[in-house]
Amino acid sequence: MTSIPKVKSDEFRTLLLETSDVKEISLDEVKNRIRHIDKLLDTFEQPPACEDLLLIVVKNKPHTWYRLESDRVSIGRAENSDIVLQSSKVSRNHCYISRNNSSWLMVDDDSKNGMFVNGRKMKKRLLCEGDIVRIGTGSVEVIYINNKKPDFI
């Protein structure tokens, strides 16, 4: 069992699971991510009533909501992708999201320009609430939102 050291409030860090690695990120980084998402949502329609959603953002403007309903969702430039992104910085078959029990795993599909989760290049990521995924090196982001209401409400 891992022991958690005592820290002062200004040294608070949160741990996020990145597939098999645990990475430490600062509270400020989490706050900045939340501010970014809140700013986007201030100018866009409320999310549809369902549990797992992606907010597609193009050029820093919310574009559309996508409901995660099937077990596998493909993202890319190809016309047969579930989410089609028309950008030269996005590969035809750029990445995909697959259901992993009650979670979602996002995997780079050997794309040319990569996938960046919260600013870090990754090949795969078990999505966490509020993850901001930049697709390629362009201006397309996908934000994971879990809209499930807690059982105690």
N, C-alpha and C. Protein backbone atom coordinates (compact mmCIF):
# COMPACT_ATOMS: atom_id res chain seq x y z
N MET A 1 0.84 -1.18 0.00
CA MET A 1 0.00 0.00 0.00
C MET A 1 0.88 1.24 0.00
N THR A 2 0.51 2.22 -0.80
CA THR A 2 1.27 3.45 -0.92
C THR A 2 0.91 4.39 0.22
N SER A 3 1.93 4.92 0.88
CA SER A 3 1.64 5.89 1.94
C SER A 3 1.61 7.28 1.32
N ILE A 4 0.66 8.07 1.75
CA ILE A 4 0.52 9.42 1.24
C ILE A 4 1.11 10.38 2.25
N PRO A 5 2.15 11.11 1.85
CA PRO A 5 2.80 12.02 2.80
C PRO A 5 1.89 13.19 3.15
N LYS A 6 2.07 13.72 4.36
CA LYS A 6 1.33 14.91 4.77
C LYS A 6 1.91 16.10 4.03
N VAL A 7 1.02 16.96 3.51
CA VAL A 7 1.48 18.14 2.79
C VAL A 7 0.70 19.36 3.26
N LYS A 8 1.32 20.52 3.12
CA LYS A 8 0.63 21.77 3.40
C LYS A 8 -0.36 22.02 2.27
N SER A 9 -1.37 22.83 2.53
CA SER A 9 -2.40 23.07 1.51
C SER A 9 -1.82 23.68 0.24
N ASP A 10 -0.77 24.50 0.36
CA ASP A 10 -0.20 25.10 -0.85
C ASP A 10 0.68 24.12 -1.62
N GLU A 11 0.90 22.91 -1.07
CA GLU A 11 1.67 21.89 -1.77
C GLU A 11 0.77 20.79 -2.32
N PHE A 12 -0.54 21.02 -2.27
CA PHE A 12 -1.49 20.00 -2.69
C PHE A 12 -1.25 19.59 -4.14
N ARG A 13 -1.28 18.32 -4.37
CA ARG A 13 -1.16 17.77 -5.72
C ARG A 13 -2.25 16.71 -5.88
N THR A 14 -2.70 16.54 -7.09
CA THR A 14 -3.67 15.50 -7.35
C THR A 14 -3.05 14.49 -8.31
N LEU A 15 -3.46 13.24 -8.21
CA LEU A 15 -2.91 12.20 -9.05
C LEU A 15 -3.96 11.76 -10.05
N LEU A 16 -3.58 11.66 -11.29
CA LEU A 16 -4.47 11.18 -12.32
C LEU A 16 -3.87 9.92 -12.94
N LEU A 17 -4.72 8.98 -13.26
CA LEU A 17 -4.27 7.74 -13.86
C LEU A 17 -4.10 7.93 -15.35
N GLU A 18 -2.93 7.65 -15.84
CA GLU A 18 -2.65 7.71 -17.27
C GLU A 18 -2.29 6.30 -17.70
N THR A 19 -3.28 5.51 -18.06
CA THR A 19 -3.17 4.08 -18.33
C THR A 19 -2.41 3.43 -17.19
N SER A 20 -1.16 3.02 -17.40
CA SER A 20 -0.46 2.30 -16.34
C SER A 20 0.42 3.21 -15.48
N ASP A 21 0.52 4.48 -15.83
CA ASP A 21 1.38 5.40 -15.08
C ASP A 21 0.53 6.32 -14.21
N VAL A 22 1.09 6.72 -13.09
CA VAL A 22 0.47 7.74 -12.26
C VAL A 22 1.34 8.98 -12.37
N LYS A 23 0.74 10.06 -12.79
CA LYS A 23 1.48 11.32 -12.96
C LYS A 23 0.94 12.33 -11.97
N GLU A 24 1.83 13.14 -11.45
CA GLU A 24 1.43 14.18 -10.51
C GLU A 24 1.21 15.47 -11.28
N ILE A 25 0.08 16.12 -11.01
CA ILE A 25 -0.17 17.42 -11.63
C ILE A 25 -0.57 18.39 -10.53
N SER A 26 -0.33 19.65 -10.78
CA SER A 26 -0.61 20.65 -9.75
C SER A 26 -2.09 21.02 -9.74
N LEU A 27 -2.53 21.53 -8.61
CA LEU A 27 -3.90 22.00 -8.48
C LEU A 27 -4.14 23.16 -9.45
N ASP A 28 -3.12 24.00 -9.67
CA ASP A 28 -3.27 25.11 -10.61
C ASP A 28 -3.55 24.61 -12.02
N GLU A 29 -2.91 23.52 -12.41
CA GLU A 29 -3.15 22.95 -13.74
C GLU A 29 -4.61 22.49 -13.87
N VAL A 30 -5.13 21.87 -12.82
CA VAL A 30 -6.52 21.43 -12.83
C VAL A 30 -7.45 22.64 -12.88
N LYS A 31 -7.16 23.67 -12.09
CA LYS A 31 -7.98 24.88 -12.08
C LYS A 31 -8.00 25.54 -13.46
N ASN A 32 -6.84 25.61 -14.12
CA ASN A 32 -6.76 26.23 -15.45
C ASN A 32 -7.59 25.45 -16.46
N ARG A 33 -7.56 24.12 -16.37
CA ARG A 33 -8.35 23.29 -17.26
C ARG A 33 -9.85 23.54 -17.04
N ILE A 34 -10.26 23.64 -15.77
CA ILE A 34 -11.67 23.88 -15.45
C ILE A 34 -12.09 25.26 -15.95
N ARG A 35 -11.23 26.27 -15.78
CA ARG A 35 -11.55 27.62 -16.28
C ARG A 35 -11.74 27.61 -17.80
N HIS A 36 -10.85 26.90 -18.49
CA HIS A 36 -10.94 26.80 -19.95
C HIS A 36 -12.27 26.18 -20.37
N ILE A 37 -12.65 25.10 -19.73
CA ILE A 37 -13.91 24.42 -20.05
C ILE A 37 -15.10 25.31 -19.71
N ASP A 38 -15.09 25.95 -18.54
CA ASP A 38 -16.18 26.85 -18.15
C ASP A 38 -16.36 27.99 -19.14
N LYS A 39 -15.25 28.56 -19.60
CA LYS A 39 -15.31 29.65 -20.58
C LYS A 39 -15.96 29.16 -21.88
N LEU A 40 -15.59 27.97 -22.33
CA LEU A 40 -16.21 27.41 -23.53
C LEU A 40 -17.70 27.18 -23.34
N LEU A 41 -18.08 26.65 -22.19
CA LEU A 41 -19.48 26.31 -21.93
C LEU A 41 -20.35 27.54 -21.73
N ASP A 42 -19.75 28.66 -21.32
CA ASP A 42 -20.51 29.91 -21.16
C ASP A 42 -21.12 30.37 -22.48
N THR A 43 -20.47 30.01 -23.58
CA THR A 43 -20.91 30.50 -24.89
C THR A 43 -21.59 29.41 -25.72
N PHE A 44 -21.96 28.30 -25.11
CA PHE A 44 -22.48 27.17 -25.89
C PHE A 44 -23.70 26.57 -25.21
N GLU A 45 -24.45 25.82 -25.96
CA GLU A 45 -25.66 25.18 -25.45
C GLU A 45 -25.33 24.18 -24.34
N GLN A 46 -26.28 23.96 -23.47
CA GLN A 46 -26.12 23.00 -22.38
C GLN A 46 -25.94 21.60 -22.96
N PRO A 47 -25.21 20.74 -22.26
CA PRO A 47 -25.02 19.38 -22.78
C PRO A 47 -26.32 18.60 -22.77
N PRO A 48 -26.47 17.67 -23.72
CA PRO A 48 -27.67 16.84 -23.71
C PRO A 48 -27.71 15.94 -22.48
N ALA A 49 -28.88 15.50 -22.12
CA ALA A 49 -29.05 14.65 -20.94
C ALA A 49 -28.61 13.24 -21.26
N CYS A 50 -27.40 12.94 -20.98
CA CYS A 50 -26.85 11.58 -21.08
C CYS A 50 -25.57 11.55 -20.26
N GLU A 51 -24.99 10.38 -20.10
CA GLU A 51 -23.87 10.26 -19.18
C GLU A 51 -22.52 10.69 -19.74
N ASP A 52 -22.08 10.10 -20.83
CA ASP A 52 -20.73 10.35 -21.33
C ASP A 52 -20.78 11.13 -22.63
N LEU A 53 -20.07 12.26 -22.65
CA LEU A 53 -20.11 13.17 -23.78
C LEU A 53 -18.71 13.60 -24.18
N LEU A 54 -18.59 14.00 -25.43
CA LEU A 54 -17.41 14.70 -25.90
C LEU A 54 -17.88 16.06 -26.39
N LEU A 55 -17.17 17.10 -26.02
CA LEU A 55 -17.40 18.42 -26.58
C LEU A 55 -16.32 18.62 -27.63
N ILE A 56 -16.74 18.79 -28.89
CA ILE A 56 -15.79 19.01 -29.97
C ILE A 56 -15.58 20.51 -30.09
N VAL A 57 -14.31 20.94 -30.00
CA VAL A 57 -13.95 22.36 -30.04
C VAL A 57 -13.06 22.59 -31.25
N VAL A 58 -13.43 23.56 -32.09
CA VAL A 58 -12.65 23.88 -33.28
C VAL A 58 -12.26 25.35 -33.21
N LYS A 59 -10.97 25.61 -33.31
CA LYS A 59 -10.43 26.98 -33.24
C LYS A 59 -10.92 27.71 -31.99
N ASN A 60 -10.85 27.04 -30.85
CA ASN A 60 -11.22 27.58 -29.54
C ASN A 60 -12.69 27.95 -29.40
N LYS A 61 -13.54 27.39 -30.27
CA LYS A 61 -14.98 27.62 -30.17
C LYS A 61 -15.70 26.28 -30.11
N PRO A 62 -16.63 26.12 -29.17
CA PRO A 62 -17.39 24.87 -29.10
C PRO A 62 -18.13 24.64 -30.42
N HIS A 63 -18.05 23.43 -30.92
CA HIS A 63 -18.65 23.12 -32.22
C HIS A 63 -19.89 22.23 -32.08
N THR A 64 -19.75 21.13 -31.34
CA THR A 64 -20.88 20.22 -31.17
C THR A 64 -20.63 19.27 -30.01
N TRP A 65 -21.73 18.69 -29.51
CA TRP A 65 -21.65 17.63 -28.51
C TRP A 65 -21.71 16.29 -29.23
N TYR A 66 -21.00 15.30 -28.72
CA TYR A 66 -21.08 13.95 -29.27
C TYR A 66 -21.33 12.99 -28.11
N ARG A 67 -22.39 12.19 -28.22
CA ARG A 67 -22.73 11.22 -27.17
C ARG A 67 -21.91 9.95 -27.37
N LEU A 68 -21.26 9.51 -26.32
CA LEU A 68 -20.53 8.23 -26.36
C LEU A 68 -21.52 7.12 -26.04
N GLU A 69 -22.04 6.49 -27.08
CA GLU A 69 -23.05 5.45 -26.89
C GLU A 69 -22.59 4.08 -27.38
N SER A 70 -21.81 4.04 -28.46
CA SER A 70 -21.36 2.74 -28.96
C SER A 70 -20.06 2.34 -28.24
N ASP A 71 -19.67 1.09 -28.39
CA ASP A 71 -18.49 0.59 -27.69
C ASP A 71 -17.18 1.09 -28.27
N ARG A 72 -17.21 1.58 -29.51
CA ARG A 72 -16.00 2.09 -30.16
C ARG A 72 -16.37 3.28 -31.04
N VAL A 73 -15.64 4.37 -30.89
CA VAL A 73 -15.88 5.59 -31.66
C VAL A 73 -14.57 5.97 -32.35
N SER A 74 -14.61 6.05 -33.68
CA SER A 74 -13.41 6.43 -34.43
C SER A 74 -13.42 7.94 -34.70
N ILE A 75 -12.22 8.52 -34.68
CA ILE A 75 -12.06 9.95 -34.92
C ILE A 75 -10.99 10.12 -36.00
N GLY A 76 -11.31 10.90 -37.03
CA GLY A 76 -10.33 11.14 -38.08
C GLY A 76 -10.91 11.93 -39.23
N ARG A 77 -10.11 12.05 -40.27
CA ARG A 77 -10.51 12.79 -41.47
C ARG A 77 -11.34 11.93 -42.42
N ALA A 78 -11.25 10.61 -42.31
CA ALA A 78 -11.96 9.71 -43.21
C ALA A 78 -13.47 9.90 -43.08
N GLU A 79 -14.15 9.84 -44.20
CA GLU A 79 -15.61 10.02 -44.21
C GLU A 79 -16.34 8.96 -43.40
N ASN A 80 -15.74 7.78 -43.25
CA ASN A 80 -16.41 6.71 -42.48
C ASN A 80 -16.09 6.77 -40.99
N SER A 81 -15.39 7.80 -40.53
CA SER A 81 -15.13 7.99 -39.10
C SER A 81 -16.43 8.35 -38.40
N ASP A 82 -16.57 7.95 -37.15
CA ASP A 82 -17.75 8.34 -36.37
C ASP A 82 -17.76 9.85 -36.13
N ILE A 83 -16.58 10.39 -35.84
CA ILE A 83 -16.42 11.84 -35.71
C ILE A 83 -15.45 12.28 -36.80
N VAL A 84 -15.97 12.99 -37.80
CA VAL A 84 -15.16 13.43 -38.94
C VAL A 84 -14.63 14.83 -38.65
N LEU A 85 -13.31 14.98 -38.70
CA LEU A 85 -12.67 16.27 -38.47
C LEU A 85 -11.94 16.69 -39.74
N GLN A 86 -12.39 17.75 -40.36
CA GLN A 86 -11.80 18.23 -41.61
C GLN A 86 -10.64 19.17 -41.32
N SER A 87 -9.47 18.59 -41.14
CA SER A 87 -8.26 19.37 -40.89
C SER A 87 -7.08 18.61 -41.45
N SER A 88 -6.18 19.32 -42.09
CA SER A 88 -4.98 18.67 -42.65
C SER A 88 -4.06 18.15 -41.55
N LYS A 89 -4.24 18.61 -40.34
CA LYS A 89 -3.41 18.17 -39.20
C LYS A 89 -3.95 16.89 -38.56
N VAL A 90 -5.12 16.41 -39.04
CA VAL A 90 -5.75 15.21 -38.51
C VAL A 90 -5.57 14.08 -39.52
N SER A 91 -5.13 12.91 -39.06
CA SER A 91 -4.96 11.76 -39.95
C SER A 91 -6.32 11.18 -40.32
N ARG A 92 -6.35 10.39 -41.40
CA ARG A 92 -7.60 9.77 -41.82
C ARG A 92 -8.21 8.94 -40.69
N ASN A 93 -7.40 8.10 -40.09
CA ASN A 93 -7.81 7.30 -38.93
C ASN A 93 -6.92 7.72 -37.77
N HIS A 94 -7.26 8.83 -37.14
CA HIS A 94 -6.37 9.46 -36.17
C HIS A 94 -6.34 8.74 -34.82
N CYS A 95 -7.51 8.49 -34.25
CA CYS A 95 -7.57 7.85 -32.94
C CYS A 95 -8.96 7.24 -32.76
N TYR A 96 -9.12 6.52 -31.67
CA TYR A 96 -10.43 5.97 -31.37
C TYR A 96 -10.61 5.91 -29.87
N ILE A 97 -11.88 5.83 -29.48
CA ILE A 97 -12.24 5.71 -28.07
C ILE A 97 -13.02 4.42 -27.93
N SER A 98 -12.62 3.60 -26.97
CA SER A 98 -13.35 2.34 -26.76
C SER A 98 -13.79 2.22 -25.31
N ARG A 99 -14.93 1.56 -25.14
CA ARG A 99 -15.45 1.35 -23.79
C ARG A 99 -14.54 0.36 -23.08
N ASN A 100 -14.21 0.68 -21.84
CA ASN A 100 -13.36 -0.16 -21.01
C ASN A 100 -14.09 -0.33 -19.68
N ASN A 101 -14.99 -1.33 -19.61
CA ASN A 101 -15.91 -1.50 -18.48
C ASN A 101 -16.78 -0.26 -18.36
N SER A 102 -16.67 0.50 -17.28
CA SER A 102 -17.48 1.70 -17.13
C SER A 102 -16.70 2.97 -17.47
N SER A 103 -15.51 2.80 -18.07
CA SER A 103 -14.66 3.92 -18.44
C SER A 103 -14.46 3.94 -19.95
N TRP A 104 -13.69 4.91 -20.41
CA TRP A 104 -13.38 5.05 -21.83
C TRP A 104 -11.87 5.16 -22.01
N LEU A 105 -11.35 4.40 -22.98
CA LEU A 105 -9.93 4.42 -23.30
C LEU A 105 -9.77 5.08 -24.66
N MET A 106 -8.94 6.13 -24.72
CA MET A 106 -8.67 6.81 -25.98
C MET A 106 -7.29 6.38 -26.46
N VAL A 107 -7.20 5.96 -27.72
CA VAL A 107 -5.95 5.40 -28.26
C VAL A 107 -5.60 6.09 -29.57
N ASP A 108 -4.35 6.55 -29.68
CA ASP A 108 -3.84 7.10 -30.93
C ASP A 108 -3.69 5.93 -31.90
N ASP A 109 -4.23 6.08 -33.10
CA ASP A 109 -4.23 5.01 -34.10
C ASP A 109 -3.05 5.17 -35.06
N ASP A 110 -1.84 5.32 -34.48
CA ASP A 110 -0.60 5.54 -35.26
C ASP A 110 -0.72 6.74 -36.19
N SER A 111 -1.30 7.82 -35.67
CA SER A 111 -1.47 9.04 -36.47
C SER A 111 -0.13 9.72 -36.70
N LYS A 112 -0.08 10.57 -37.71
CA LYS A 112 1.15 11.30 -38.03
C LYS A 112 1.45 12.38 -37.00
N ASN A 113 0.43 13.12 -36.57
CA ASN A 113 0.66 14.28 -35.69
C ASN A 113 0.33 14.05 -34.23
N GLY A 114 -0.09 12.85 -33.86
CA GLY A 114 -0.25 12.52 -32.45
C GLY A 114 -1.51 13.03 -31.79
N MET A 115 -1.59 12.70 -30.51
CA MET A 115 -2.72 13.02 -29.65
C MET A 115 -2.14 13.59 -28.36
N PHE A 116 -2.63 14.73 -27.92
CA PHE A 116 -2.09 15.42 -26.75
C PHE A 116 -3.19 15.54 -25.70
N VAL A 117 -2.99 14.88 -24.57
CA VAL A 117 -3.98 14.90 -23.49
C VAL A 117 -3.48 15.87 -22.43
N ASN A 118 -4.26 16.93 -22.21
CA ASN A 118 -3.88 17.96 -21.23
C ASN A 118 -2.46 18.47 -21.47
N GLY A 119 -2.12 18.61 -22.76
CA GLY A 119 -0.81 19.15 -23.15
C GLY A 119 0.31 18.15 -23.27
N ARG A 120 0.06 16.88 -22.94
CA ARG A 120 1.12 15.87 -23.00
C ARG A 120 0.83 14.87 -24.12
N LYS A 121 1.84 14.60 -24.95
CA LYS A 121 1.66 13.64 -26.04
C LYS A 121 1.52 12.25 -25.44
N MET A 122 0.49 11.53 -25.88
CA MET A 122 0.23 10.18 -25.36
C MET A 122 -0.24 9.26 -26.46
N LYS A 123 0.03 7.99 -26.30
CA LYS A 123 -0.45 6.96 -27.23
C LYS A 123 -1.81 6.44 -26.79
N LYS A 124 -2.06 6.41 -25.47
CA LYS A 124 -3.36 5.99 -24.97
C LYS A 124 -3.61 6.63 -23.62
N ARG A 125 -4.90 6.73 -23.29
CA ARG A 125 -5.27 7.39 -22.04
C ARG A 125 -6.64 6.90 -21.60
N LEU A 126 -6.75 6.49 -20.36
CA LEU A 126 -8.04 6.21 -19.74
C LEU A 126 -8.61 7.58 -19.40
N LEU A 127 -9.71 7.95 -20.07
CA LEU A 127 -10.22 9.32 -19.95
C LEU A 127 -10.74 9.62 -18.56
N CYS A 128 -10.44 10.82 -18.10
CA CYS A 128 -10.92 11.35 -16.82
C CYS A 128 -11.77 12.58 -17.12
N GLU A 129 -12.71 12.85 -16.24
CA GLU A 129 -13.59 14.02 -16.37
C GLU A 129 -12.76 15.26 -16.64
N GLY A 130 -13.11 15.99 -17.71
CA GLY A 130 -12.43 17.24 -18.01
C GLY A 130 -11.13 17.11 -18.80
N ASP A 131 -10.78 15.90 -19.23
CA ASP A 131 -9.59 15.75 -20.07
C ASP A 131 -9.77 16.54 -21.36
N ILE A 132 -8.74 17.29 -21.73
CA ILE A 132 -8.75 18.05 -22.98
C ILE A 132 -7.75 17.37 -23.91
N VAL A 133 -8.27 16.83 -25.01
CA VAL A 133 -7.44 16.09 -25.95
C VAL A 133 -7.33 16.88 -27.24
N ARG A 134 -6.10 17.31 -27.56
CA ARG A 134 -5.87 17.98 -28.84
C ARG A 134 -5.56 16.91 -29.87
N ILE A 135 -6.29 16.94 -30.97
CA ILE A 135 -6.12 15.96 -32.03
C ILE A 135 -5.15 16.53 -33.04
N GLY A 136 -3.97 15.95 -33.16
CA GLY A 136 -2.95 16.45 -34.07
C GLY A 136 -2.34 17.73 -33.56
N THR A 137 -1.72 18.46 -34.48
CA THR A 137 -1.04 19.70 -34.09
C THR A 137 -1.87 20.93 -34.44
N GLY A 138 -3.09 20.72 -34.84
CA GLY A 138 -3.97 21.83 -35.25
C GLY A 138 -4.77 22.40 -34.11
N SER A 139 -5.96 22.87 -34.45
CA SER A 139 -6.78 23.60 -33.48
C SER A 139 -8.07 22.86 -33.16
N VAL A 140 -8.02 21.52 -33.14
CA VAL A 140 -9.19 20.72 -32.81
C VAL A 140 -8.96 20.06 -31.44
N GLU A 141 -9.93 20.26 -30.55
CA GLU A 141 -9.88 19.64 -29.22
C GLU A 141 -11.14 18.81 -29.01
N VAL A 142 -10.97 17.76 -28.22
CA VAL A 142 -12.09 16.94 -27.78
C VAL A 142 -12.02 16.95 -26.26
N ILE A 143 -13.12 17.33 -25.60
CA ILE A 143 -13.14 17.39 -24.14
C ILE A 143 -14.11 16.34 -23.63
N TYR A 144 -13.63 15.49 -22.72
CA TYR A 144 -14.47 14.43 -22.16
C TYR A 144 -15.25 14.98 -20.96
N ILE A 145 -16.57 14.79 -21.00
CA ILE A 145 -17.46 15.23 -19.92
C ILE A 145 -18.28 14.03 -19.47
N ASN A 146 -18.23 13.72 -18.19
CA ASN A 146 -19.10 12.70 -17.63
C ASN A 146 -20.24 13.45 -16.97
N ASN A 147 -21.42 13.35 -17.56
CA ASN A 147 -22.57 14.14 -17.13
C ASN A 147 -23.49 13.36 -16.19
N LYS A 148 -22.96 12.29 -15.62
CA LYS A 148 -23.77 11.44 -14.75
C LYS A 148 -24.02 12.15 -13.42
N LYS A 149 -25.24 12.12 -12.97
CA LYS A 149 -25.57 12.70 -11.68
C LYS A 149 -25.17 11.70 -10.58
N PRO A 150 -24.55 12.19 -9.51
CA PRO A 150 -24.18 11.30 -8.41
C PRO A 150 -25.42 10.61 -7.81
N ASP A 151 -25.21 9.41 -7.30
CA ASP A 151 -26.31 8.62 -6.72
C ASP A 151 -26.96 9.32 -5.53
N PHE A 152 -26.21 10.16 -4.81
CA PHE A 152 -26.75 10.74 -3.58
C PHE A 152 -27.59 11.98 -3.82
N ILE A 153 -27.75 12.43 -5.05
CA ILE A 153 -28.56 13.62 -5.32
C ILE A 153 -29.97 13.19 -5.69
